């Protein structure tokens, strides 16, 4: 210990340079580790929540939608299928834009976005991304 203190007193700039290099190295390793952890978490989130959103044509009936959802939920690899009406889509839109008066149409009486211009949809959650091709073929065959 005495030798270390003696050498630090003899060459203070060299000691400071060594401390600086070690500090910068630890900082870079920490940042790299943080980026790796964050990207791993994001990728895991995308891998565990495979989802398809199918937009429906106007003029569909509730029986057609119920049949489509029944067909989808009975398919292997589909966890869940949820119908999102035009009004539900408007509520989701309002939540996503926050309190922006221009986007919500509160500045004028007519509003920019209404439920009429948003499409109804079916949100399909798959248990495995490999089942996307099966789900896509079912959706292509449907007429709504």
N, C-alpha and C. Protein backbone atom coordinates (compact mmCIF):
# COMPACT_ATOMS: atom_id res chain seq x y z
N UNK A 1 0.83 -1.19 0.00
CA UNK A 1 0.00 0.00 0.00
C UNK A 1 0.87 1.25 0.00
N UNK A 2 1.95 1.22 0.78
CA UNK A 2 2.85 2.38 0.82
C UNK A 2 3.48 2.63 -0.54
N UNK A 3 3.81 1.55 -1.22
CA UNK A 3 4.44 1.69 -2.53
C UNK A 3 3.46 2.33 -3.51
N UNK A 4 2.19 1.94 -3.45
CA UNK A 4 1.18 2.50 -4.34
C UNK A 4 1.00 3.98 -4.10
N UNK A 5 0.91 4.39 -2.83
CA UNK A 5 0.76 5.81 -2.51
C UNK A 5 2.00 6.60 -2.93
N UNK A 6 3.15 6.00 -2.75
CA UNK A 6 4.40 6.66 -3.14
C UNK A 6 4.44 6.89 -4.66
N UNK A 7 4.03 5.87 -5.43
CA UNK A 7 4.02 6.01 -6.89
C UNK A 7 2.96 7.01 -7.36
N UNK A 8 1.83 7.07 -6.66
CA UNK A 8 0.80 8.05 -7.03
C UNK A 8 1.31 9.46 -6.79
N UNK A 9 2.03 9.69 -5.70
CA UNK A 9 2.59 11.02 -5.43
C UNK A 9 3.66 11.39 -6.44
N UNK A 10 4.41 10.40 -6.91
CA UNK A 10 5.47 10.66 -7.87
C UNK A 10 4.92 11.03 -9.25
N UNK A 11 3.91 10.29 -9.68
CA UNK A 11 3.34 10.52 -11.02
C UNK A 11 1.82 10.68 -10.92
N UNK A 12 1.35 11.83 -10.46
CA UNK A 12 -0.10 12.01 -10.27
C UNK A 12 -0.88 12.00 -11.58
N UNK A 13 -0.29 12.52 -12.66
CA UNK A 13 -1.01 12.55 -13.94
C UNK A 13 -1.22 11.14 -14.49
N UNK A 14 -0.22 10.30 -14.32
CA UNK A 14 -0.35 8.92 -14.78
C UNK A 14 -1.43 8.19 -13.97
N UNK A 15 -1.49 8.44 -12.68
CA UNK A 15 -2.50 7.81 -11.83
C UNK A 15 -3.90 8.30 -12.21
N UNK A 16 -4.04 9.60 -12.45
CA UNK A 16 -5.33 10.14 -12.87
C UNK A 16 -5.74 9.59 -14.24
N UNK A 17 -4.79 9.43 -15.14
CA UNK A 17 -5.09 8.87 -16.46
C UNK A 17 -5.58 7.43 -16.32
N UNK A 18 -4.96 6.66 -15.45
CA UNK A 18 -5.38 5.27 -15.25
C UNK A 18 -6.79 5.21 -14.67
N UNK A 19 -7.08 6.07 -13.69
CA UNK A 19 -8.41 6.12 -13.09
C UNK A 19 -9.44 6.55 -14.15
N UNK A 20 -9.07 7.52 -14.98
CA UNK A 20 -9.96 8.00 -16.03
C UNK A 20 -10.26 6.90 -17.05
N UNK A 21 -9.24 6.16 -17.47
CA UNK A 21 -9.43 5.09 -18.45
C UNK A 21 -10.32 3.99 -17.87
N UNK A 22 -10.10 3.62 -16.62
CA UNK A 22 -10.93 2.59 -15.99
C UNK A 22 -12.37 3.08 -15.86
N UNK A 23 -12.55 4.34 -15.49
CA UNK A 23 -13.91 4.90 -15.35
C UNK A 23 -14.64 4.91 -16.68
N UNK A 24 -13.97 5.35 -17.73
CA UNK A 24 -14.60 5.39 -19.05
C UNK A 24 -14.94 3.97 -19.52
N UNK A 25 -14.05 3.04 -19.27
CA UNK A 25 -14.30 1.65 -19.67
C UNK A 25 -15.53 1.09 -18.95
N UNK A 26 -15.63 1.32 -17.65
CA UNK A 26 -16.79 0.84 -16.90
C UNK A 26 -18.08 1.52 -17.37
N UNK A 27 -17.99 2.80 -17.71
CA UNK A 27 -19.15 3.53 -18.21
C UNK A 27 -19.63 2.94 -19.54
N UNK A 28 -18.70 2.69 -20.45
CA UNK A 28 -19.06 2.12 -21.76
C UNK A 28 -19.64 0.72 -21.60
N UNK A 29 -19.05 -0.09 -20.74
CA UNK A 29 -19.58 -1.44 -20.50
C UNK A 29 -20.99 -1.35 -19.90
N UNK A 30 -21.21 -0.42 -18.99
CA UNK A 30 -22.53 -0.24 -18.40
C UNK A 30 -23.57 0.17 -19.42
N UNK A 31 -23.24 1.12 -20.28
CA UNK A 31 -24.16 1.56 -21.32
C UNK A 31 -24.47 0.42 -22.29
N UNK A 32 -23.44 -0.31 -22.69
CA UNK A 32 -23.63 -1.45 -23.59
C UNK A 32 -24.54 -2.50 -22.95
N UNK A 33 -24.33 -2.77 -21.68
CA UNK A 33 -25.17 -3.75 -20.97
C UNK A 33 -26.62 -3.27 -20.89
N UNK A 34 -26.81 -1.99 -20.64
CA UNK A 34 -28.16 -1.42 -20.56
C UNK A 34 -28.87 -1.51 -21.91
N UNK A 35 -28.18 -1.19 -22.99
CA UNK A 35 -28.77 -1.28 -24.33
C UNK A 35 -29.11 -2.73 -24.67
N UNK A 36 -28.23 -3.64 -24.32
CA UNK A 36 -28.48 -5.06 -24.58
C UNK A 36 -29.70 -5.55 -23.81
N UNK A 37 -29.82 -5.18 -22.55
CA UNK A 37 -30.96 -5.59 -21.74
C UNK A 37 -32.26 -5.00 -22.29
N UNK A 38 -32.24 -3.73 -22.66
CA UNK A 38 -33.45 -3.08 -23.18
C UNK A 38 -33.89 -3.71 -24.50
N UNK A 39 -32.95 -3.95 -25.40
CA UNK A 39 -33.32 -4.54 -26.69
C UNK A 39 -33.79 -5.99 -26.51
N UNK A 40 -33.22 -6.70 -25.58
CA UNK A 40 -33.66 -8.06 -25.30
C UNK A 40 -35.10 -8.06 -24.77
N UNK A 41 -35.41 -7.12 -23.91
CA UNK A 41 -36.76 -7.01 -23.36
C UNK A 41 -37.77 -6.65 -24.46
N UNK A 42 -37.40 -5.75 -25.34
CA UNK A 42 -38.29 -5.35 -26.43
C UNK A 42 -38.53 -6.52 -27.37
N UNK A 43 -37.48 -7.25 -27.72
CA UNK A 43 -37.65 -8.41 -28.60
C UNK A 43 -38.50 -9.48 -27.95
N UNK A 44 -38.31 -9.71 -26.67
CA UNK A 44 -39.12 -10.70 -25.97
C UNK A 44 -40.59 -10.30 -25.98
N UNK A 45 -40.85 -9.00 -25.84
CA UNK A 45 -42.22 -8.51 -25.88
C UNK A 45 -42.87 -8.78 -27.23
N UNK A 46 -42.14 -8.54 -28.32
CA UNK A 46 -42.69 -8.79 -29.65
C UNK A 46 -42.86 -10.28 -29.91
N UNK A 47 -41.97 -11.09 -29.40
CA UNK A 47 -42.05 -12.53 -29.63
C UNK A 47 -43.19 -13.18 -28.86
N UNK A 48 -43.51 -12.65 -27.70
CA UNK A 48 -44.54 -13.27 -26.87
C UNK A 48 -45.94 -12.76 -27.18
N UNK A 49 -46.06 -11.71 -27.99
CA UNK A 49 -47.37 -11.17 -28.31
C UNK A 49 -47.59 -11.08 -29.81
N UNK A 50 -47.54 -12.20 -30.51
CA UNK A 50 -47.80 -12.13 -31.95
C UNK A 50 -49.28 -11.80 -32.20
N UNK A 51 -49.52 -10.79 -33.03
CA UNK A 51 -50.88 -10.32 -33.22
C UNK A 51 -51.11 -9.92 -34.68
N UNK A 52 -52.31 -10.18 -35.15
CA UNK A 52 -52.75 -9.76 -36.48
C UNK A 52 -54.01 -8.93 -36.29
N UNK A 53 -54.09 -7.82 -37.02
CA UNK A 53 -55.31 -7.01 -37.01
C UNK A 53 -55.90 -7.07 -38.42
N UNK A 54 -57.12 -7.59 -38.51
CA UNK A 54 -57.82 -7.70 -39.79
C UNK A 54 -58.90 -6.63 -39.83
N UNK A 55 -58.81 -5.73 -40.81
CA UNK A 55 -59.81 -4.67 -40.96
C UNK A 55 -60.97 -5.20 -41.80
N UNK A 56 -62.18 -4.91 -41.35
CA UNK A 56 -63.38 -5.45 -41.99
C UNK A 56 -64.01 -4.42 -42.93
N UNK A 57 -64.68 -4.92 -43.96
CA UNK A 57 -65.40 -4.05 -44.89
C UNK A 57 -66.66 -3.53 -44.21
N UNK A 58 -67.15 -2.39 -44.68
CA UNK A 58 -68.42 -1.87 -44.17
C UNK A 58 -69.56 -2.77 -44.62
N UNK A 59 -70.61 -2.80 -43.84
CA UNK A 59 -71.79 -3.56 -44.22
C UNK A 59 -71.80 -5.00 -43.73
N UNK A 60 -70.92 -5.36 -42.85
CA UNK A 60 -70.92 -6.72 -42.33
C UNK A 60 -71.98 -6.84 -41.22
N UNK A 61 -72.47 -8.04 -41.05
CA UNK A 61 -73.48 -8.28 -40.02
C UNK A 61 -72.81 -8.89 -38.78
N UNK A 62 -73.53 -8.84 -37.68
CA UNK A 62 -72.99 -9.42 -36.44
C UNK A 62 -72.84 -10.93 -36.56
N UNK A 63 -73.72 -11.56 -37.35
CA UNK A 63 -73.61 -13.01 -37.56
C UNK A 63 -72.33 -13.35 -38.33
N UNK A 64 -72.00 -12.54 -39.33
CA UNK A 64 -70.77 -12.77 -40.09
C UNK A 64 -69.54 -12.63 -39.19
N UNK A 65 -69.55 -11.59 -38.35
CA UNK A 65 -68.42 -11.37 -37.45
C UNK A 65 -68.32 -12.50 -36.43
N UNK A 66 -69.46 -12.91 -35.89
CA UNK A 66 -69.46 -14.02 -34.92
C UNK A 66 -68.95 -15.30 -35.56
N UNK A 67 -69.34 -15.54 -36.81
CA UNK A 67 -68.85 -16.72 -37.52
C UNK A 67 -67.35 -16.67 -37.75
N UNK A 68 -66.85 -15.49 -38.12
CA UNK A 68 -65.41 -15.33 -38.34
C UNK A 68 -64.64 -15.55 -37.04
N UNK A 69 -65.11 -14.95 -35.97
CA UNK A 69 -64.43 -15.10 -34.68
C UNK A 69 -64.49 -16.55 -34.21
N UNK A 70 -65.62 -17.20 -34.41
CA UNK A 70 -65.75 -18.62 -34.04
C UNK A 70 -64.78 -19.47 -34.85
N UNK A 71 -64.69 -19.19 -36.14
CA UNK A 71 -63.78 -19.92 -37.02
C UNK A 71 -62.32 -19.70 -36.59
N UNK A 72 -62.00 -18.46 -36.24
CA UNK A 72 -60.62 -18.15 -35.85
C UNK A 72 -60.26 -18.79 -34.51
N UNK A 73 -61.15 -18.68 -33.53
CA UNK A 73 -60.83 -19.22 -32.21
C UNK A 73 -60.77 -20.74 -32.19
N UNK A 74 -61.44 -21.38 -33.15
CA UNK A 74 -61.35 -22.84 -33.21
C UNK A 74 -60.10 -23.32 -33.95
N UNK A 75 -59.38 -22.38 -34.55
CA UNK A 75 -58.16 -22.72 -35.28
C UNK A 75 -57.01 -22.93 -34.30
N UNK A 76 -56.21 -23.94 -34.56
CA UNK A 76 -55.06 -24.21 -33.71
C UNK A 76 -54.04 -23.08 -33.87
N UNK A 77 -53.52 -22.58 -32.77
CA UNK A 77 -52.53 -21.51 -32.80
C UNK A 77 -53.12 -20.14 -32.53
N UNK A 78 -54.44 -20.05 -32.39
CA UNK A 78 -55.08 -18.77 -32.10
C UNK A 78 -55.46 -18.74 -30.63
N UNK A 79 -54.92 -17.78 -29.90
CA UNK A 79 -55.26 -17.63 -28.48
C UNK A 79 -56.59 -16.93 -28.31
N UNK A 80 -56.76 -15.82 -29.06
CA UNK A 80 -57.89 -14.95 -28.82
C UNK A 80 -58.22 -14.18 -30.09
N UNK A 81 -59.49 -13.88 -30.28
CA UNK A 81 -59.93 -13.01 -31.38
C UNK A 81 -60.99 -12.07 -30.82
N UNK A 82 -60.76 -10.77 -30.98
CA UNK A 82 -61.65 -9.76 -30.40
C UNK A 82 -62.14 -8.83 -31.50
N UNK A 83 -63.44 -8.57 -31.52
CA UNK A 83 -64.04 -7.65 -32.48
C UNK A 83 -63.92 -6.23 -31.94
N UNK A 84 -63.43 -5.32 -32.77
CA UNK A 84 -63.33 -3.90 -32.42
C UNK A 84 -64.27 -3.15 -33.36
N UNK A 85 -65.35 -2.60 -32.80
CA UNK A 85 -66.31 -1.87 -33.62
C UNK A 85 -65.75 -0.50 -34.00
N UNK A 86 -66.46 0.20 -34.86
CA UNK A 86 -66.03 1.54 -35.26
C UNK A 86 -65.99 2.47 -34.05
N UNK A 87 -66.98 2.35 -33.18
CA UNK A 87 -67.02 3.20 -31.99
C UNK A 87 -65.87 2.86 -31.04
N UNK A 88 -65.56 1.58 -30.90
CA UNK A 88 -64.42 1.18 -30.08
C UNK A 88 -63.12 1.71 -30.67
N UNK A 89 -63.02 1.68 -32.00
CA UNK A 89 -61.83 2.21 -32.67
C UNK A 89 -61.68 3.70 -32.41
N UNK A 90 -62.80 4.43 -32.39
CA UNK A 90 -62.75 5.86 -32.08
C UNK A 90 -62.26 6.09 -30.66
N UNK A 91 -62.72 5.29 -29.71
CA UNK A 91 -62.27 5.42 -28.32
C UNK A 91 -60.77 5.13 -28.21
N UNK A 92 -60.30 4.12 -28.91
CA UNK A 92 -58.87 3.80 -28.91
C UNK A 92 -58.08 4.96 -29.51
N UNK A 93 -58.61 5.55 -30.59
CA UNK A 93 -57.95 6.70 -31.22
C UNK A 93 -57.88 7.87 -30.25
N UNK A 94 -58.97 8.14 -29.56
CA UNK A 94 -58.99 9.26 -28.61
C UNK A 94 -57.97 9.07 -27.50
N UNK A 95 -57.82 7.84 -27.03
CA UNK A 95 -56.83 7.57 -25.99
C UNK A 95 -55.42 7.75 -26.52
N UNK A 96 -55.20 7.40 -27.79
CA UNK A 96 -53.84 7.46 -28.34
C UNK A 96 -53.40 8.88 -28.65
N UNK A 97 -54.32 9.80 -28.99
CA UNK A 97 -53.91 11.17 -29.32
C UNK A 97 -53.94 12.08 -28.11
N UNK A 98 -54.48 11.63 -27.01
CA UNK A 98 -54.49 12.45 -25.81
C UNK A 98 -55.52 13.56 -25.92
N UNK A 99 -55.14 14.75 -25.48
CA UNK A 99 -56.07 15.87 -25.44
C UNK A 99 -55.80 16.90 -26.53
N UNK A 100 -55.33 16.49 -27.67
CA UNK A 100 -55.07 17.41 -28.77
C UNK A 100 -56.40 17.86 -29.36
N UNK A 101 -56.78 19.13 -29.17
CA UNK A 101 -58.10 19.57 -29.63
C UNK A 101 -58.28 19.54 -31.14
N UNK A 102 -57.20 19.72 -31.89
CA UNK A 102 -57.32 19.71 -33.35
C UNK A 102 -57.60 18.29 -33.84
N UNK A 103 -56.86 17.31 -33.31
CA UNK A 103 -57.06 15.93 -33.74
C UNK A 103 -58.38 15.35 -33.25
N UNK A 104 -58.82 15.79 -32.09
CA UNK A 104 -60.08 15.28 -31.56
C UNK A 104 -61.29 15.99 -32.14
N UNK A 105 -61.07 17.15 -32.77
CA UNK A 105 -62.17 17.88 -33.38
C UNK A 105 -62.96 18.72 -32.41
N UNK A 106 -62.39 19.05 -31.25
CA UNK A 106 -63.12 19.88 -30.30
C UNK A 106 -63.00 21.36 -30.62
N UNK A 107 -62.11 21.74 -31.53
CA UNK A 107 -61.98 23.14 -31.93
C UNK A 107 -63.15 23.53 -32.81
N UNK A 108 -63.57 22.62 -33.66
CA UNK A 108 -64.71 22.87 -34.55
C UNK A 108 -65.86 21.95 -34.16
N UNK A 109 -67.00 22.21 -34.72
CA UNK A 109 -68.17 21.39 -34.40
C UNK A 109 -68.19 20.06 -35.13
N UNK A 110 -67.55 19.99 -36.28
CA UNK A 110 -67.67 18.80 -37.11
C UNK A 110 -66.65 17.74 -36.77
N UNK A 111 -65.53 18.07 -36.19
CA UNK A 111 -64.54 17.06 -35.81
C UNK A 111 -63.82 16.47 -37.01
N UNK A 112 -62.58 16.19 -36.86
CA UNK A 112 -61.78 15.65 -37.95
C UNK A 112 -61.96 14.14 -38.05
N UNK A 113 -61.95 13.46 -36.92
CA UNK A 113 -62.05 12.01 -36.90
C UNK A 113 -63.36 11.61 -36.24
N UNK A 114 -64.14 10.83 -36.96
CA UNK A 114 -65.39 10.31 -36.41
C UNK A 114 -65.37 8.79 -36.54
N UNK A 115 -66.32 8.15 -35.92
CA UNK A 115 -66.38 6.69 -35.97
C UNK A 115 -66.68 6.19 -37.39
N UNK A 116 -67.30 7.04 -38.21
CA UNK A 116 -67.65 6.62 -39.58
C UNK A 116 -66.44 6.38 -40.46
N UNK A 117 -65.34 7.09 -40.22
CA UNK A 117 -64.18 6.92 -41.11
C UNK A 117 -63.22 5.84 -40.63
N UNK A 118 -63.39 5.38 -39.40
CA UNK A 118 -62.52 4.33 -38.88
C UNK A 118 -63.11 2.95 -39.20
N UNK A 119 -62.27 2.00 -39.57
CA UNK A 119 -62.80 0.67 -39.91
C UNK A 119 -63.00 -0.19 -38.66
N UNK A 120 -63.96 -1.07 -38.75
CA UNK A 120 -64.10 -2.11 -37.72
C UNK A 120 -63.01 -3.14 -37.97
N UNK A 121 -62.62 -3.84 -36.93
CA UNK A 121 -61.52 -4.80 -37.10
C UNK A 121 -61.67 -5.97 -36.15
N UNK A 122 -60.85 -6.97 -36.40
CA UNK A 122 -60.74 -8.12 -35.51
C UNK A 122 -59.27 -8.24 -35.14
N UNK A 123 -58.98 -8.18 -33.84
CA UNK A 123 -57.61 -8.34 -33.35
C UNK A 123 -57.42 -9.80 -32.96
N UNK A 124 -56.48 -10.44 -33.63
CA UNK A 124 -56.25 -11.87 -33.44
C UNK A 124 -54.90 -12.04 -32.76
N UNK A 125 -54.90 -12.68 -31.60
CA UNK A 125 -53.66 -12.97 -30.88
C UNK A 125 -53.31 -14.43 -31.11
N UNK A 126 -52.12 -14.64 -31.64
CA UNK A 126 -51.68 -16.00 -31.94
C UNK A 126 -50.77 -16.50 -30.82
N UNK A 127 -50.77 -17.79 -30.62
CA UNK A 127 -49.89 -18.37 -29.60
C UNK A 127 -48.48 -18.54 -30.14
N UNK A 128 -48.36 -18.57 -31.46
CA UNK A 128 -47.06 -18.78 -32.08
C UNK A 128 -47.05 -18.08 -33.44
N UNK A 129 -45.99 -17.33 -33.75
CA UNK A 129 -45.94 -16.66 -35.06
C UNK A 129 -46.00 -17.62 -36.25
N UNK A 130 -45.71 -18.89 -36.03
CA UNK A 130 -45.76 -19.86 -37.12
C UNK A 130 -47.19 -20.10 -37.62
N UNK A 131 -48.17 -19.76 -36.80
CA UNK A 131 -49.57 -19.97 -37.20
C UNK A 131 -50.12 -18.80 -38.02
N UNK A 132 -49.30 -17.79 -38.30
CA UNK A 132 -49.77 -16.64 -39.08
C UNK A 132 -50.25 -17.03 -40.47
N UNK A 133 -49.59 -17.98 -41.10
CA UNK A 133 -49.99 -18.37 -42.46
C UNK A 133 -51.37 -19.01 -42.46
N UNK A 134 -51.67 -19.81 -41.45
CA UNK A 134 -53.00 -20.42 -41.34
C UNK A 134 -54.06 -19.36 -41.11
N UNK A 135 -53.76 -18.42 -40.22
CA UNK A 135 -54.70 -17.33 -39.92
C UNK A 135 -54.92 -16.48 -41.17
N UNK A 136 -53.85 -16.18 -41.88
CA UNK A 136 -53.96 -15.36 -43.09
C UNK A 136 -54.81 -16.05 -44.15
N UNK A 137 -54.67 -17.35 -44.28
CA UNK A 137 -55.49 -18.06 -45.28
C UNK A 137 -56.97 -18.04 -44.91
N UNK A 138 -57.27 -18.12 -43.63
CA UNK A 138 -58.67 -18.03 -43.18
C UNK A 138 -59.22 -16.64 -43.48
N UNK A 139 -58.41 -15.62 -43.20
CA UNK A 139 -58.86 -14.25 -43.43
C UNK A 139 -59.04 -13.95 -44.92
N UNK A 140 -58.20 -14.53 -45.76
CA UNK A 140 -58.32 -14.30 -47.20
C UNK A 140 -59.59 -14.94 -47.76
N UNK A 141 -60.03 -16.03 -47.17
CA UNK A 141 -61.23 -16.72 -47.65
C UNK A 141 -62.52 -16.03 -47.22
N UNK A 142 -62.46 -15.25 -46.16
CA UNK A 142 -63.67 -14.61 -45.66
C UNK A 142 -64.05 -13.42 -46.55
N UNK A 143 -65.33 -13.12 -46.60
CA UNK A 143 -65.80 -12.05 -47.48
C UNK A 143 -66.05 -10.75 -46.74
N UNK A 144 -65.82 -10.72 -45.46
CA UNK A 144 -66.04 -9.48 -44.74
C UNK A 144 -64.71 -8.84 -44.46
